[in-house]
PDB file of N, CA and C in Angstrom:
ATOM      1  N   MET A   1     223.170  75.750 144.326  1.00  0.00           N
ATOM      2  CA  MET A   1     223.226  76.448 143.048  1.00  0.00           C
ATOM      3  C   MET A   1     222.092  77.464 143.030  1.00  0.00           C
ATOM      4  N   ILE A   2     222.459  78.695 142.789  1.00  0.00           N
ATOM      5  CA  ILE A   2     221.474  79.758 142.671  1.00  0.00           C
ATOM      6  C   ILE A   2     220.917  79.722 141.247  1.00  0.00           C
ATOM      7  N   GLN A   3     219.610  79.747 141.122  1.00  0.00           N
ATOM      8  CA  GLN A   3     218.962  79.826 139.813  1.00  0.00           C
ATOM      9  C   GLN A   3     218.706  81.299 139.507  1.00  0.00           C
ATOM     10  N   ALA A   4     219.212  81.782 138.393  1.00  0.00           N
ATOM     11  CA  ALA A   4     218.979  83.179 138.006  1.00  0.00           C
ATOM     12  C   ALA A   4     217.512  83.358 137.646  1.00  0.00           C
ATOM     13  N   LEU A   5     216.864  84.302 138.329  1.00  0.00           N
ATOM     14  CA  LEU A   5     215.449  84.565 138.092  1.00  0.00           C
ATOM     15  C   LEU A   5     215.204  85.941 137.488  1.00  0.00           C
ATOM     16  N   SER A   6     216.177  86.845 137.637  1.00  0.00           N
ATOM     17  CA  SER A   6     216.016  88.191 137.090  1.00  0.00           C
ATOM     18  C   SER A   6     217.391  88.775 136.767  1.00  0.00           C
ATOM     19  N   TYR A   7     217.381  89.752 135.872  1.00  0.00           N
ATOM     20  CA  TYR A   7     218.632  90.447 135.551  1.00  0.00           C
ATOM     21  C   TYR A   7     219.185  91.157 136.781  1.00  0.00           C
ATOM     22  N   GLU A   8     218.297  91.674 137.626  1.00  0.00           N
ATOM     23  CA  GLU A   8     218.734  92.362 138.839  1.00  0.00           C
ATOM     24  C   GLU A   8     219.449  91.411 139.785  1.00  0.00           C
ATOM     25  N   GLN A   9     218.932  90.197 139.914  1.00  0.00           N
ATOM     26  CA  GLN A   9     219.566  89.198 140.767  1.00  0.00           C
ATOM     27  C   GLN A   9     220.967  88.852 140.258  1.00  0.00           C
ATOM     28  N   VAL A  10     221.099  88.679 138.962  1.00  0.00           N
ATOM     29  CA  VAL A  10     222.407  88.379 138.372  1.00  0.00           C
ATOM     30  C   VAL A  10     223.361  89.555 138.611  1.00  0.00           C
ATOM     31  N   ALA A  11     222.881  90.760 138.406  1.00  0.00           N
ATOM     32  CA  ALA A  11     223.719  91.948 138.615  1.00  0.00           C
ATOM     33  C   ALA A  11     224.183  92.038 140.065  1.00  0.00           C
ATOM     34  N   ARG A  12     223.295  91.763 141.019  1.00  0.00           N
ATOM     35  CA  ARG A  12     223.680  91.801 142.441  1.00  0.00           C
ATOM     36  C   ARG A  12     224.777  90.772 142.724  1.00  0.00           C
ATOM     37  N   GLN A  13     224.650  89.585 142.135  1.00  0.00           N
ATOM     38  CA  GLN A  13     225.661  88.550 142.364  1.00  0.00           C
ATOM     39  C   GLN A  13     227.004  88.982 141.785  1.00  0.00           C
ATOM     40  N   ILE A  14     226.991  89.521 140.585  1.00  0.00           N
ATOM     41  CA  ILE A  14     228.232  89.974 139.954  1.00  0.00           C
ATOM     42  C   ILE A  14     228.861  91.094 140.771  1.00  0.00           C
ATOM     43  N   GLU A  15     228.039  92.030 141.227  1.00  0.00           N
ATOM     44  CA  GLU A  15     228.527  93.178 141.992  1.00  0.00           C
ATOM     45  C   GLU A  15     228.965  92.816 143.404  1.00  0.00           C
ATOM     46  N   SER A  16     228.612  91.620 143.865  1.00  0.00           N
ATOM     47  CA  SER A  16     228.981  91.215 145.229  1.00  0.00           C
ATOM     48  C   SER A  16     230.492  91.104 145.401  1.00  0.00           C
ATOM     49  N   GLY A  17     231.206  90.905 144.293  1.00  0.00           N
ATOM     50  CA  GLY A  17     232.658  90.800 144.356  1.00  0.00           C
ATOM     51  C   GLY A  17     233.163  89.412 144.664  1.00  0.00           C
ATOM     52  N   SER A  18     232.284  88.517 145.084  1.00  0.00           N
ATOM     53  CA  SER A  18     232.726  87.162 145.428  1.00  0.00           C
ATOM     54  C   SER A  18     233.066  86.379 144.164  1.00  0.00           C
ATOM     55  N   LYS A  19     233.867  85.332 144.347  1.00  0.00           N
ATOM     56  CA  LYS A  19     234.183  84.460 143.220  1.00  0.00           C
ATOM     57  C   LYS A  19     232.906  83.737 142.817  1.00  0.00           C
ATOM     58  N   THR A  20     232.489  83.982 141.593  1.00  0.00           N
ATOM     59  CA  THR A  20     231.223  83.468 141.101  1.00  0.00           C
ATOM     60  C   THR A  20     231.436  82.719 139.805  1.00  0.00           C
ATOM     61  N   VAL A  21     230.735  81.605 139.671  1.00  0.00           N
ATOM     62  CA  VAL A  21     230.702  80.870 138.415  1.00  0.00           C
ATOM     63  C   VAL A  21     229.319  81.064 137.813  1.00  0.00           C
ATOM     64  N   LEU A  22     229.267  81.744 136.672  1.00  0.00           N
ATOM     65  CA  LEU A  22     228.027  81.815 135.913  1.00  0.00           C
ATOM     66  C   LEU A  22     228.006  80.614 134.985  1.00  0.00           C
ATOM     67  N   LEU A  23     227.019  79.764 135.151  1.00  0.00           N
ATOM     68  CA  LEU A  23     226.879  78.569 134.332  1.00  0.00           C
ATOM     69  C   LEU A  23     225.705  78.788 133.392  1.00  0.00           C
ATOM     70  N   PHE A  24     226.012  79.048 132.137  1.00  0.00           N
ATOM     71  CA  PHE A  24     224.973  79.253 131.132  1.00  0.00           C
ATOM     72  C   PHE A  24     224.555  77.899 130.574  1.00  0.00           C
ATOM     73  N   THR A  25     223.245  77.637 130.623  1.00  0.00           N
ATOM     74  CA  THR A  25     222.686  76.368 130.180  1.00  0.00           C
ATOM     75  C   THR A  25     221.386  76.634 129.424  1.00  0.00           C
ATOM     76  N   ALA A  26     220.769  75.552 128.942  1.00  0.00           N
ATOM     77  CA  ALA A  26     219.414  75.582 128.383  1.00  0.00           C
ATOM     78  C   ALA A  26     218.848  74.168 128.537  1.00  0.00           C
ATOM     79  N   ASP A  27     217.564  74.094 128.805  1.00  0.00           N
ATOM     80  CA  ASP A  27     216.947  72.791 129.053  1.00  0.00           C
ATOM     81  C   ASP A  27     216.971  71.870 127.837  1.00  0.00           C
ATOM     82  N   TRP A  28     217.022  72.405 126.643  1.00  0.00           N
ATOM     83  CA  TRP A  28     217.036  71.583 125.433  1.00  0.00           C
ATOM     84  C   TRP A  28     218.435  71.051 125.098  1.00  0.00           C
ATOM     85  N   CYS A  29     219.444  71.521 125.806  1.00  0.00           N
ATOM     86  CA  CYS A  29     220.848  71.194 125.529  1.00  0.00           C
ATOM     87  C   CYS A  29     221.204  69.829 126.128  1.00  0.00           C
ATOM     88  N   GLY A  30     221.561  68.884 125.283  1.00  0.00           N
ATOM     89  CA  GLY A  30     221.920  67.542 125.745  1.00  0.00           C
ATOM     90  C   GLY A  30     223.127  67.533 126.666  1.00  0.00           C
ATOM     91  N   ASP A  31     224.144  68.319 126.354  1.00  0.00           N
ATOM     92  CA  ASP A  31     225.328  68.377 127.211  1.00  0.00           C
ATOM     93  C   ASP A  31     225.007  69.009 128.560  1.00  0.00           C
ATOM     94  N   CYS A  32     224.050  69.937 128.581  1.00  0.00           N
ATOM     95  CA  CYS A  32     223.598  70.529 129.851  1.00  0.00           C
ATOM     96  C   CYS A  32     222.867  69.473 130.678  1.00  0.00           C
ATOM     97  N   GLN A  33     222.013  68.690 130.034  1.00  0.00           N
ATOM     98  CA  GLN A  33     221.284  67.621 130.728  1.00  0.00           C
ATOM     99  C   GLN A  33     222.269  66.624 131.356  1.00  0.00           C
ATOM    100  N   TYR A  34     223.343  66.326 130.649  1.00  0.00           N
ATOM    101  CA  TYR A  34     224.381  65.437 131.177  1.00  0.00           C
ATOM    102  C   TYR A  34     225.025  66.035 132.425  1.00  0.00           C
ATOM    103  N   LEU A  35     225.188  67.352 132.425  1.00  0.00           N
ATOM    104  CA  LEU A  35     225.882  68.051 133.497  1.00  0.00           C
ATOM    105  C   LEU A  35     225.027  68.233 134.752  1.00  0.00           C
ATOM    106  N   TYR A  36     223.716  68.388 134.593  1.00  0.00           N
ATOM    107  CA  TYR A  36     222.838  68.696 135.724  1.00  0.00           C
ATOM    108  C   TYR A  36     223.036  67.776 136.927  1.00  0.00           C
ATOM    109  N   PRO A  37     223.087  66.446 136.765  1.00  0.00           N
ATOM    110  CA  PRO A  37     223.253  65.587 137.950  1.00  0.00           C
ATOM    111  C   PRO A  37     224.606  65.743 138.647  1.00  0.00           C
ATOM    112  N   LEU A  38     225.585  66.328 137.980  1.00  0.00           N
ATOM    113  CA  LEU A  38     226.930  66.486 138.534  1.00  0.00           C
ATOM    114  C   LEU A  38     227.104  67.800 139.287  1.00  0.00           C
ATOM    115  N   LEU A  39     226.167  68.715 139.125  1.00  0.00           N
ATOM    116  CA  LEU A  39     226.349  70.075 139.637  1.00  0.00           C
ATOM    117  C   LEU A  39     226.478  70.141 141.152  1.00  0.00           C
ATOM    118  N   GLU A  40     225.693  69.365 141.865  1.00  0.00           N
ATOM    119  CA  GLU A  40     225.767  69.405 143.331  1.00  0.00           C
ATOM    120  C   GLU A  40     227.153  69.002 143.818  1.00  0.00           C
ATOM    121  N   ALA A  41     227.711  67.941 143.251  1.00  0.00           N
ATOM    122  CA  ALA A  41     229.048  67.494 143.652  1.00  0.00           C
ATOM    123  C   ALA A  41     230.109  68.518 143.256  1.00  0.00           C
ATOM    124  N   ILE A  42     229.976  69.106 142.077  1.00  0.00           N
ATOM    125  CA  ILE A  42     230.932  70.125 141.632  1.00  0.00           C
ATOM    126  C   ILE A  42     230.895  71.317 142.579  1.00  0.00           C
ATOM    127  N   GLU A  43     229.708  71.729 142.940  1.00  0.00           N
ATOM    128  CA  GLU A  43     229.556  72.861 143.850  1.00  0.00           C
ATOM    129  C   GLU A  43     230.144  72.542 145.221  1.00  0.00           C
ATOM    130  N   THR A  44     229.907  71.345 145.724  1.00  0.00           N
ATOM    131  CA  THR A  44     230.431  70.928 147.027  1.00  0.00           C
ATOM    132  C   THR A  44     231.960  70.906 147.022  1.00  0.00           C
ATOM    133  N   GLU A  45     232.544  70.417 145.937  1.00  0.00           N
ATOM    134  CA  GLU A  45     233.996  70.300 145.853  1.00  0.00           C
ATOM    135  C   GLU A  45     234.686  71.641 145.583  1.00  0.00           C
ATOM    136  N   ASN A  46     233.909  72.659 145.267  1.00  0.00           N
ATOM    137  CA  ASN A  46     234.464  73.990 144.961  1.00  0.00           C
ATOM    138  C   ASN A  46     233.715  75.034 145.767  1.00  0.00           C
ATOM    139  N   SER A  47     233.734  74.860 147.082  1.00  0.00           N
ATOM    140  CA  SER A  47     232.902  75.671 147.974  1.00  0.00           C
ATOM    141  C   SER A  47     233.358  77.124 148.097  1.00  0.00           C
ATOM    142  N   ASP A  48     234.521  77.469 147.555  1.00  0.00           N
ATOM    143  CA  ASP A  48     234.958  78.860 147.612  1.00  0.00           C
ATOM    144  C   ASP A  48     234.343  79.701 146.492  1.00  0.00           C
ATOM    145  N   PHE A  49     233.506  79.081 145.655  1.00  0.00           N
ATOM    146  CA  PHE A  49     232.800  79.773 144.586  1.00  0.00           C
ATOM    147  C   PHE A  49     231.312  79.815 144.897  1.00  0.00           C
ATOM    148  N   THR A  50     230.658  80.841 144.409  1.00  0.00           N
ATOM    149  CA  THR A  50     229.202  80.888 144.376  1.00  0.00           C
ATOM    150  C   THR A  50     228.793  80.528 142.956  1.00  0.00           C
ATOM    151  N   PHE A  51     227.900  79.568 142.814  1.00  0.00           N
ATOM    152  CA  PHE A  51     227.464  79.105 141.503  1.00  0.00           C
ATOM    153  C   PHE A  51     226.086  79.668 141.189  1.00  0.00           C
ATOM    154  N   MET A  52     225.949  80.216 139.986  1.00  0.00           N
ATOM    155  CA  MET A  52     224.663  80.729 139.528  1.00  0.00           C
ATOM    156  C   MET A  52     224.376  80.152 138.147  1.00  0.00           C
ATOM    157  N   GLN A  53     223.288  79.417 138.048  1.00  0.00           N
ATOM    158  CA  GLN A  53     222.877  78.846 136.769  1.00  0.00           C
ATOM    159  C   GLN A  53     221.988  79.842 136.045  1.00  0.00           C
ATOM    160  N   VAL A  54     222.346  80.118 134.790  1.00  0.00           N
ATOM    161  CA  VAL A  54     221.647  81.105 133.978  1.00  0.00           C
ATOM    162  C   VAL A  54     221.120  80.404 132.727  1.00  0.00           C
ATOM    163  N   ASP A  55     219.806  80.375 132.565  1.00  0.00           N
ATOM    164  CA  ASP A  55     219.213  79.805 131.357  1.00  0.00           C
ATOM    165  C   ASP A  55     219.435  80.790 130.216  1.00  0.00           C
ATOM    166  N   ARG A  56     220.251  80.381 129.289  1.00  0.00           N
ATOM    167  CA  ARG A  56     220.631  81.285 128.198  1.00  0.00           C
ATOM    168  C   ARG A  56     219.417  81.790 127.424  1.00  0.00           C
ATOM    169  N   ASP A  57     218.417  80.943 127.233  1.00  0.00           N
ATOM    170  CA  ASP A  57     217.244  81.353 126.468  1.00  0.00           C
ATOM    171  C   ASP A  57     216.421  82.416 127.194  1.00  0.00           C
ATOM    172  N   ASN A  58     216.430  82.399 128.517  1.00  0.00           N
ATOM    173  CA  ASN A  58     215.694  83.390 129.304  1.00  0.00           C
ATOM    174  C   ASN A  58     216.498  84.668 129.532  1.00  0.00           C
ATOM    175  N   PHE A  59     217.806  84.587 129.307  1.00  0.00           N
ATOM    176  CA  PHE A  59     218.698  85.734 129.551  1.00  0.00           C
ATOM    177  C   PHE A  59     219.586  85.968 128.328  1.00  0.00           C
ATOM    178  N   MET A  60     218.962  86.039 127.163  1.00  0.00           N
ATOM    179  CA  MET A  60     219.718  86.173 125.915  1.00  0.00           C
ATOM    180  C   MET A  60     220.561  87.449 125.894  1.00  0.00           C
ATOM    181  N   ASP A  61     220.034  88.548 126.430  1.00  0.00           N
ATOM    182  CA  ASP A  61     220.816  89.792 126.465  1.00  0.00           C
ATOM    183  C   ASP A  61     222.083  89.621 127.292  1.00  0.00           C
ATOM    184  N   LEU A  62     221.971  88.925 128.404  1.00  0.00           N
ATOM    185  CA  LEU A  62     223.134  88.681 129.256  1.00  0.00           C
ATOM    186  C   LEU A  62     224.126  87.764 128.552  1.00  0.00           C
ATOM    187  N   ALA A  63     223.626  86.725 127.887  1.00  0.00           N
ATOM    188  CA  ALA A  63     224.504  85.823 127.136  1.00  0.00           C
ATOM    189  C   ALA A  63     225.260  86.595 126.058  1.00  0.00           C
ATOM    190  N   GLN A  64     224.583  87.497 125.381  1.00  0.00           N
ATOM    191  CA  GLN A  64     225.252  88.301 124.354  1.00  0.00           C
ATOM    192  C   GLN A  64     226.266  89.247 124.978  1.00  0.00           C
ATOM    193  N   GLN A  65     225.922  89.831 126.109  1.00  0.00           N
ATOM    194  CA  GLN A  65     226.841  90.743 126.796  1.00  0.00           C
ATOM    195  C   GLN A  65     228.134  90.022 127.175  1.00  0.00           C
ATOM    196  N   TRP A  66     228.021  88.764 127.605  1.00  0.00           N
ATOM    197  CA  TRP A  66     229.186  87.996 128.034  1.00  0.00           C
ATOM    198  C   TRP A  66     229.753  87.139 126.899  1.00  0.00           C
ATOM    199  N   ASP A  67     229.283  87.353 125.675  1.00  0.00           N
ATOM    200  CA  ASP A  67     229.772  86.615 124.496  1.00  0.00           C
ATOM    201  C   ASP A  67     229.649  85.107 124.672  1.00  0.00           C
ATOM    202  N   VAL A  68     228.499  84.665 125.153  1.00  0.00           N
ATOM    203  CA  VAL A  68     228.232  83.237 125.318  1.00  0.00           C
ATOM    204  C   VAL A  68     227.511  82.756 124.066  1.00  0.00           C
ATOM    205  N   PHE A  69     228.191  81.912 123.304  1.00  0.00           N
ATOM    206  CA  PHE A  69     227.608  81.393 122.071  1.00  0.00           C
ATOM    207  C   PHE A  69     227.370  79.894 122.156  1.00  0.00           C
ATOM    208  N   GLY A  70     228.138  79.197 122.970  1.00  0.00           N
ATOM    209  CA  GLY A  70     227.970  77.762 123.146  1.00  0.00           C
ATOM    210  C   GLY A  70     227.574  77.461 124.580  1.00  0.00           C
ATOM    211  N   ILE A  71     226.825  76.390 124.757  1.00  0.00           N
ATOM    212  CA  ILE A  71     226.431  75.992 126.104  1.00  0.00           C
ATOM    213  C   ILE A  71     226.662  74.496 126.261  1.00  0.00           C
ATOM    214  N   PRO A  72     226.931  74.056 127.464  1.00  0.00           N
ATOM    215  CA  PRO A  72     227.103  74.852 128.670  1.00  0.00           C
ATOM    216  C   PRO A  72     228.412  75.645 128.649  1.00  0.00           C
ATOM    217  N   SER A  73     228.358  76.820 129.224  1.00  0.00           N
ATOM    218  CA  SER A  73     229.523  77.697 129.347  1.00  0.00           C
ATOM    219  C   SER A  73     229.687  78.088 130.798  1.00  0.00           C
ATOM    220  N   LEU A  74     230.913  78.047 131.278  1.00  0.00           N
ATOM    221  CA  LEU A  74     231.222  78.485 132.636  1.00  0.00           C
ATOM    222  C   LEU A  74     232.086  79.727 132.553  1.00  0.00           C
ATOM    223  N   ILE A  75     231.643  80.795 133.206  1.00  0.00           N
ATOM    224  CA  ILE A  75     232.411  82.029 133.279  1.00  0.00           C
ATOM    225  C   ILE A  75     232.688  82.300 134.750  1.00  0.00           C
ATOM    226  N   VAL A  76     233.964  82.433 135.087  1.00  0.00           N
ATOM    227  CA  VAL A  76     234.374  82.687 136.463  1.00  0.00           C
ATOM    228  C   VAL A  76     234.628  84.179 136.622  1.00  0.00           C
ATOM    229  N   LEU A  77     233.992  84.757 137.650  1.00  0.00           N
ATOM    230  CA  LEU A  77     234.107  86.182 137.929  1.00  0.00           C
ATOM    231  C   LEU A  77     234.667  86.393 139.325  1.00  0.00           C
ATOM    232  N   GLU A  78     235.403  87.462 139.472  1.00  0.00           N
ATOM    233  CA  GLU A  78     235.838  87.906 140.795  1.00  0.00           C
ATOM    234  C   GLU A  78     235.897  89.425 140.752  1.00  0.00           C
ATOM    235  N   ASN A  79     235.352  90.058 141.778  1.00  0.00           N
ATOM    236  CA  ASN A  79     235.272  91.517 141.828  1.00  0.00           C
ATOM    237  C   ASN A  79     234.595  92.079 140.576  1.00  0.00           C
ATOM    238  N   GLY A  80     233.594  91.337 140.082  1.00  0.00           N
ATOM    239  CA  GLY A  80     232.810  91.806 138.945  1.00  0.00           C
ATOM    240  C   GLY A  80     233.471  91.672 137.591  1.00  0.00           C
ATOM    241  N   ARG A  81     234.663  91.064 137.546  1.00  0.00           N
ATOM    242  CA  ARG A  81     235.403  90.927 136.291  1.00  0.00           C
ATOM    243  C   ARG A  81     235.629  89.463 135.962  1.00  0.00           C
ATOM    244  N   GLU A  82     235.633  89.167 134.688  1.00  0.00           N
ATOM    245  CA  GLU A  82     235.904  87.801 134.243  1.00  0.00           C
ATOM    246  C   GLU A  82     237.367  87.459 134.470  1.00  0.00           C
ATOM    247  N   ILE A  83     237.590  86.312 135.130  1.00  0.00           N
ATOM    248  CA  ILE A  83     238.963  85.843 135.338  1.00  0.00           C
ATOM    249  C   ILE A  83     239.207  84.500 134.656  1.00  0.00           C
ATOM    250  N   GLY A  84     238.155  83.915 134.083  1.00  0.00           N
ATOM    251  CA  GLY A  84     238.325  82.648 133.381  1.00  0.00           C
ATOM    252  C   GLY A  84     237.043  82.202 132.722  1.00  0.00           C
ATOM    253  N   ARG A  85     237.210  81.316 131.746  1.00  0.00           N
ATOM    254  CA  ARG A  85     236.068  80.833 130.978  1.00  0.00           C
ATOM    255  C   ARG A  85     236.371  79.410 130.515  1.00  0.00           C
ATOM    256  N   PHE A  86     235.378  78.544 130.619  1.00  0.00           N
ATOM    257  CA  PHE A  86     235.511  77.167 130.137  1.00  0.00           C
ATOM    258  C   PHE A  86     234.383  76.913 129.149  1.00  0.00           C
ATOM    259  N   VAL A  87     234.760  76.982 127.891  1.00  0.00           N
ATOM    260  CA  VAL A  87     233.814  76.760 126.801  1.00  0.00           C
ATOM    261  C   VAL A  87     234.542  75.952 125.742  1.00  0.00           C
ATOM    262  N   ASP A  88     233.953  74.870 125.323  1.00  0.00           N
ATOM    263  CA  ASP A  88     234.458  74.149 124.165  1.00  0.00           C
ATOM    264  C   ASP A  88     233.332  73.303 123.600  1.00  0.00           C
ATOM    265  N   LYS A  89     233.582  72.694 122.469  1.00  0.00           N
ATOM    266  CA  LYS A  89     232.514  71.955 121.789  1.00  0.00           C
ATOM    267  C   LYS A  89     232.296  70.569 122.371  1.00  0.00           C
ATOM    268  N   ASN A  90     233.171  70.129 123.261  1.00  0.00           N
ATOM    269  CA  ASN A  90     233.062  68.790 123.827  1.00  0.00           C
ATOM    270  C   ASN A  90     232.252  68.788 125.114  1.00  0.00           C
ATOM    271  N   ARG A  91     231.647  67.652 125.411  1.00  0.00           N
ATOM    272  CA  ARG A  91     230.915  67.488 126.670  1.00  0.00           C
ATOM    273  C   ARG A  91     231.899  67.624 127.820  1.00  0.00           C
ATOM    274  N   LYS A  92     231.504  68.402 128.816  1.00  0.00           N
ATOM    275  CA  LYS A  92     232.374  68.647 129.968  1.00  0.00           C
ATOM    276  C   LYS A  92     232.112  67.597 131.043  1.00  0.00           C
ATOM    277  N   THR A  93     233.177  67.092 131.635  1.00  0.00           N
ATOM    278  CA  THR A  93     233.038  66.119 132.707  1.00  0.00           C
ATOM    279  C   THR A  93     233.237  66.813 134.055  1.00  0.00           C
ATOM    280  N   LYS A  94     232.833  66.139 135.100  1.00  0.00           N
ATOM    281  CA  LYS A  94     233.024  66.658 136.457  1.00  0.00           C
ATOM    282  C   LYS A  94     234.511  66.899 136.719  1.00  0.00           C
ATOM    283  N   ASP A  95     235.357  65.958 136.331  1.00  0.00           N
ATOM    284  CA  ASP A  95     236.795  66.096 136.565  1.00  0.00           C
ATOM    285  C   ASP A  95     237.382  67.287 135.802  1.00  0.00           C
ATOM    286  N   GLU A  96     236.940  67.499 134.569  1.00  0.00           N
ATOM    287  CA  GLU A  96     237.442  68.633 133.783  1.00  0.00           C
ATOM    288  C   GLU A  96     237.027  69.964 134.418  1.00  0.00           C
ATOM    289  N   ILE A  97     235.784  70.039 134.874  1.00  0.00           N
ATOM    290  CA  ILE A  97     235.305  71.278 135.504  1.00  0.00           C
ATOM    291  C   ILE A  97     236.050  71.527 136.807  1.00  0.00           C
ATOM    292  N   ASN A  98     236.213  70.473 137.622  1.00  0.00           N
ATOM    293  CA  ASN A  98     236.948  70.634 138.884  1.00  0.00           C
ATOM    294  C   ASN A  98     238.390  71.069 138.627  1.00  0.00           C
ATOM    295  N   ALA A  99     239.047  70.493 137.637  1.00  0.00           N
ATOM    296  CA  ALA A  99     240.420  70.869 137.305  1.00  0.00           C
ATOM    297  C   ALA A  99     240.482  72.327 136.855  1.00  0.00           C
ATOM    298  N   PHE A 100     239.507  72.743 136.048  1.00  0.00           N
ATOM    299  CA  PHE A 100     239.446  74.126 135.581  1.00  0.00           C
ATOM    300  C   PHE A 100     239.314  75.072 136.775  1.00  0.00           C
ATOM    301  N   LEU A 101     238.400  74.763 137.697  1.00  0.00           N
ATOM    302  CA  LEU A 101     238.142  75.645 138.838  1.00  0.00           C
ATOM    303  C   LEU A 101     239.300  75.662 139.841  1.00  0.00           C
ATOM    304  N   LYS A 102     240.071  74.595 139.912  1.00  0.00           N
ATOM    305  CA  LYS A 102     241.216  74.551 140.819  1.00  0.00           C
ATOM    306  C   LYS A 102     242.261  75.594 140.438  1.00  0.00           C
ATOM    307  N   GLY A 103     242.237  76.039 139.184  1.00  0.00           N
ATOM    308  CA  GLY A 103     243.187  77.046 138.710  1.00  0.00           C
ATOM    309  C   GLY A 103     242.931  78.438 139.274  1.00  0.00           C
ATOM    310  N   PHE A 104     241.863  78.593 140.037  1.00  0.00           N
ATOM    311  CA  PHE A 104     241.520  79.912 140.583  1.00  0.00           C
ATOM    312  C   PHE A 104     241.609  79.896 142.078  1.00  0.00           C
TER     313      PHE A 104
END
């Protein structure tokens, strides 16, 4: 999992054209804390994606640009364009995320 450290790094990943999952999180988010231990397995099971974790609080402008209001939020990009989004008010499970990503 790539940790977003700068806006330039995020832009380079988006511009790379590869299938990318932007995972917007925050350390204070309980549902994000639940998800953190599952991320390695999710990434392994979906190796055709590049995963980038974006701390919403550190990248508020980016979250606003991508209309991210709830976290955790997963935005799937390909060729720099959004092709899918998984956001809801319920805690996300590993199986739900894997099923969502299998659709791409």
